[in-house]
Amino acid sequence: MKTLQFMYGIAQEHENISHPHAIRILNNFQGFTKSSLKQLENVGWIAVEGQQWAMTPKGYKQAQEMYNQKPIHE
């Protein structure tokens, strides 16, 4: 999921991967919807509290695996 990979990029910048972030920073991301946020929360990849989201260790690991499987363009 593109949204999860985008969140992964944000979470990578912090020592604590579960550091909360404002949902509004996702608003300009192409492909972000409230339903995609809910889907990520339902599978346990992120936690949403109020107007903030935080990546879970499970979500971080999933995003890391997805990121490492990206096709290499020559």
Protein backbone atom coordinates (compact mmCIF):
# COMPACT_ATOMS: atom_id res chain seq x y z
CA MET A 1 0.00 0.00 0.00
CA LYS A 2 1.32 3.37 -0.99
CA THR A 3 0.00 5.03 2.15
CA LEU A 4 1.85 2.59 4.40
CA GLN A 5 5.09 3.13 2.46
CA PHE A 6 4.66 6.90 2.73
CA MET A 7 4.11 6.58 6.49
CA TYR A 8 7.17 4.34 6.69
CA GLY A 9 9.26 7.11 5.15
CA ILE A 10 8.03 9.50 7.83
CA ALA A 11 8.49 7.01 10.69
CA GLN A 12 12.04 6.21 9.56
CA GLU A 13 13.08 9.74 10.40
CA HIS A 14 12.41 9.18 14.11
CA GLU A 15 14.29 7.11 16.64
CA ASN A 16 10.94 5.93 18.03
CA ILE A 17 9.02 4.47 15.07
CA SER A 18 5.78 4.71 17.06
CA HIS A 19 6.13 8.49 17.41
CA PRO A 20 2.69 10.03 16.69
CA HIS A 21 2.15 12.26 13.66
CA ALA A 22 -0.73 14.53 12.68
CA ILE A 23 -3.12 12.95 10.18
CA ARG A 24 -3.22 16.26 8.29
CA ILE A 25 0.35 15.71 7.02
CA LEU A 26 -1.10 12.91 4.89
CA ASN A 27 -3.71 15.14 3.24
CA ASN A 28 -1.49 16.13 0.31
CA PHE A 29 -0.35 12.56 -0.32
CA GLN A 30 -1.85 11.15 -3.52
CA GLY A 31 -3.88 8.06 -2.69
CA PHE A 32 -4.56 8.87 0.97
CA THR A 33 -8.13 8.44 2.15
CA LYS A 34 -9.74 8.08 5.55
CA SER A 35 -10.82 4.57 4.55
CA SER A 36 -7.22 3.58 3.74
CA LEU A 37 -6.24 4.87 7.19
CA LYS A 38 -8.99 2.74 8.75
CA GLN A 39 -7.82 -0.33 6.79
CA LEU A 40 -4.26 0.11 8.05
CA GLU A 41 -5.56 0.47 11.58
CA ASN A 42 -7.79 -2.62 11.26
CA VAL A 43 -4.84 -4.86 10.32
CA GLY A 44 -2.76 -3.42 13.17
CA TRP A 45 -0.18 -1.60 11.06
CA ILE A 46 -0.95 1.81 12.53
CA ALA A 47 -2.71 3.17 15.60
CA VAL A 48 -4.98 6.20 15.34
CA GLU A 49 -5.74 8.34 18.35
CA GLY A 50 -7.69 11.52 17.84
CA GLN A 51 -6.09 13.41 14.97
CA GLN A 52 -2.79 11.53 15.11
CA TRP A 53 -1.46 8.28 13.71
CA ALA A 54 1.50 6.21 14.80
CA MET A 55 3.10 3.26 13.07
CA THR A 56 3.10 0.01 15.03
CA PRO A 57 6.11 -2.33 15.09
CA LYS A 58 4.03 -4.75 12.99
CA GLY A 59 3.29 -2.03 10.44
CA TYR A 60 6.91 -0.88 10.36
CA LYS A 61 8.07 -4.42 9.64
CA GLN A 62 5.46 -4.85 6.90
CA ALA A 63 6.39 -1.53 5.28
CA GLN A 64 10.08 -2.39 5.51
CA GLU A 65 9.46 -5.67 3.70
CA MET A 66 7.39 -3.90 1.03
CA TYR A 67 10.04 -1.21 0.64
CA ASN A 68 12.81 -3.79 0.22
CA GLN A 69 10.81 -5.62 -2.46
CA LYS A 70 10.41 -2.59 -4.69
CA PRO A 71 11.42 -3.40 -8.25
CA ILE A 72 14.72 -1.88 -9.30
CA HIS A 73 14.42 0.27 -12.42
CA GLU A 74 17.39 0.26 -14.75
